[in-house]
């Protein structure tokens, strides 16, 4: 089991809560994936804490609540993980270039994802951790 709160293994780089919850692939105006990634980036401005050591890889812990409509928990993470990917930031033409944490969202860079959901007022809590030790616990 991975314990992301172990500060000898992981550095919490971002912890935010936003007052919305959604999944990817909605093409309605104002709700596209690009717009959603930009909203996550805007919410993270000034809140990223640089790790003291260069992370070996990244981990996400995401908690989501949704009031009315149904939401597929397995689709929640896509826009969030892509929001902090330097390749996707460049593709989006985003002005938030300083928020890129990893070059792409492959297992080489993002190795762990924990997502949970339940009914409640629309909200998403996002925590991003950098693994700072070889003992991080995922893969070789």
Protein backbone atom coordinates (compact mmCIF):
# COMPACT_ATOMS: atom_id res chain seq x y z
CA UNK A 1 0.00 0.00 0.00
CA UNK A 2 1.27 3.46 -0.85
CA UNK A 3 1.09 6.10 1.88
CA UNK A 4 1.30 9.44 0.08
CA UNK A 5 1.46 11.38 3.35
CA UNK A 6 4.85 9.85 4.23
CA UNK A 7 7.06 12.93 3.90
CA UNK A 8 10.22 10.83 3.72
CA UNK A 9 8.93 9.33 0.43
CA UNK A 10 6.64 11.99 -1.05
CA UNK A 11 6.47 15.76 -1.27
CA UNK A 12 2.99 17.29 -1.50
CA UNK A 13 3.40 19.72 -4.37
CA UNK A 14 -0.22 20.82 -4.70
CA UNK A 15 -3.34 20.68 -2.57
CA UNK A 16 -6.43 22.54 -3.81
CA UNK A 17 -10.18 22.21 -3.70
CA UNK A 18 -12.35 23.63 -6.47
CA UNK A 19 -16.14 24.10 -6.40
CA UNK A 20 -16.86 21.97 -9.46
CA UNK A 21 -16.73 18.32 -10.49
CA UNK A 22 -16.70 16.84 -13.96
CA UNK A 23 -15.17 14.24 -16.20
CA UNK A 24 -13.56 14.57 -19.61
CA UNK A 25 -14.95 14.58 -23.17
CA UNK A 26 -17.77 17.11 -22.86
CA UNK A 27 -17.77 19.18 -26.05
CA UNK A 28 -20.33 21.81 -25.04
CA UNK A 29 -19.11 25.41 -25.28
CA UNK A 30 -17.59 26.48 -21.98
CA UNK A 31 -17.12 22.88 -20.90
CA UNK A 32 -14.47 21.51 -23.26
CA UNK A 33 -11.50 19.57 -21.95
CA UNK A 34 -9.16 22.46 -22.81
CA UNK A 35 -11.30 24.92 -20.85
CA UNK A 36 -11.43 22.53 -17.92
CA UNK A 37 -7.66 22.06 -17.92
CA UNK A 38 -7.26 25.85 -17.94
CA UNK A 39 -9.66 26.16 -14.99
CA UNK A 40 -7.59 23.65 -12.98
CA UNK A 41 -4.41 25.52 -13.90
CA UNK A 42 -5.90 28.86 -12.87
CA UNK A 43 -6.95 27.38 -9.52
CA UNK A 44 -3.38 26.13 -8.93
CA UNK A 45 -1.62 29.45 -9.57
CA UNK A 46 0.46 30.41 -6.55
CA UNK A 47 -0.33 27.15 -4.74
CA UNK A 48 2.32 24.79 -6.11
CA UNK A 49 5.11 24.13 -3.62
CA UNK A 50 8.37 23.18 -5.31
CA UNK A 51 9.82 19.91 -3.99
CA UNK A 52 13.17 20.10 -2.21
CA UNK A 53 14.42 17.23 -4.41
CA UNK A 54 13.63 16.53 -8.05
CA UNK A 55 10.75 14.02 -8.04
CA UNK A 56 11.44 10.61 -9.53
CA UNK A 57 7.75 10.37 -10.53
CA UNK A 58 4.33 11.82 -9.62
CA UNK A 59 1.22 10.62 -7.80
CA UNK A 60 -2.33 12.01 -7.61
CA UNK A 61 -5.01 11.74 -4.94
CA UNK A 62 -8.36 13.07 -6.18
CA UNK A 63 -11.62 13.21 -4.24
CA UNK A 64 -14.78 14.31 -6.00
CA UNK A 65 -18.34 14.96 -4.91
CA UNK A 66 -21.27 15.48 -7.26
CA UNK A 67 -24.75 16.68 -6.34
CA UNK A 68 -27.09 15.98 -9.24
CA UNK A 69 -25.94 14.39 -12.44
CA UNK A 70 -24.17 11.05 -12.53
CA UNK A 71 -20.39 11.16 -12.85
CA UNK A 72 -18.08 8.33 -13.94
CA UNK A 73 -15.30 8.24 -11.35
CA UNK A 74 -12.91 6.62 -13.84
CA UNK A 75 -13.14 9.68 -16.13
CA UNK A 76 -12.46 12.32 -13.47
CA UNK A 77 -8.66 12.21 -13.51
CA UNK A 78 -7.95 12.75 -17.22
CA UNK A 79 -8.31 16.54 -17.42
CA UNK A 80 -6.64 16.98 -14.04
CA UNK A 81 -3.53 14.97 -14.92
CA UNK A 82 -3.32 16.59 -18.36
CA UNK A 83 -3.62 20.07 -16.80
CA UNK A 84 -0.11 19.79 -15.31
CA UNK A 85 1.59 18.03 -18.25
CA UNK A 86 4.04 20.32 -20.09
CA UNK A 87 3.24 18.72 -23.46
CA UNK A 88 -0.49 19.37 -23.00
CA UNK A 89 0.11 22.91 -21.72
CA UNK A 90 2.01 23.64 -24.95
CA UNK A 91 -0.71 22.00 -27.11
CA UNK A 92 -3.36 24.09 -25.37
CA UNK A 93 -1.41 27.29 -26.00
CA UNK A 94 -1.82 27.94 -22.28
CA UNK A 95 -0.28 30.92 -20.56
CA UNK A 96 0.31 28.74 -17.48
CA UNK A 97 3.63 27.35 -18.73
CA UNK A 98 5.16 27.43 -15.23
CA UNK A 99 2.62 24.87 -13.99
CA UNK A 100 4.05 21.98 -16.02
CA UNK A 101 5.29 19.34 -13.60
CA UNK A 102 6.13 16.45 -15.96
CA UNK A 103 6.71 16.16 -19.72
CA UNK A 104 3.90 13.67 -20.40
CA UNK A 105 1.39 11.55 -18.52
CA UNK A 106 2.98 8.16 -19.21
CA UNK A 107 4.04 5.75 -16.45
CA UNK A 108 7.54 7.16 -16.80
CA UNK A 109 6.28 10.30 -15.05
CA UNK A 110 2.87 9.62 -13.43
CA UNK A 111 2.79 6.25 -11.68
CA UNK A 112 0.06 6.39 -9.09
CA UNK A 113 -3.54 7.57 -9.12
CA UNK A 114 -6.12 7.35 -6.35
CA UNK A 115 -9.64 8.61 -7.13
CA UNK A 116 -12.67 8.48 -4.90
CA UNK A 117 -16.16 9.87 -5.31
CA UNK A 118 -19.47 10.25 -3.57
CA UNK A 119 -22.67 12.31 -3.58
CA UNK A 120 -22.46 15.81 -2.14
CA UNK A 121 -22.06 19.44 -3.22
CA UNK A 122 -20.02 19.72 -6.43
CA UNK A 123 -16.33 19.85 -5.51
CA UNK A 124 -13.00 18.32 -6.44
CA UNK A 125 -10.00 18.04 -4.13
CA UNK A 126 -6.71 17.57 -5.93
CA UNK A 127 -3.45 16.57 -4.29
CA UNK A 128 -0.28 16.05 -6.31
CA UNK A 129 2.76 14.37 -4.78
CA UNK A 130 6.31 14.03 -6.08
CA UNK A 131 8.07 10.80 -5.15
CA UNK A 132 11.42 11.87 -3.69
CA UNK A 133 12.77 8.45 -2.68
CA UNK A 134 13.57 5.14 -4.37
CA UNK A 135 11.31 3.58 -1.72
CA UNK A 136 8.16 5.19 -3.19
CA UNK A 137 6.57 1.81 -3.65
CA UNK A 138 5.35 1.71 -7.26
CA UNK A 139 7.16 -0.28 -9.88
CA UNK A 140 10.82 -0.93 -10.35
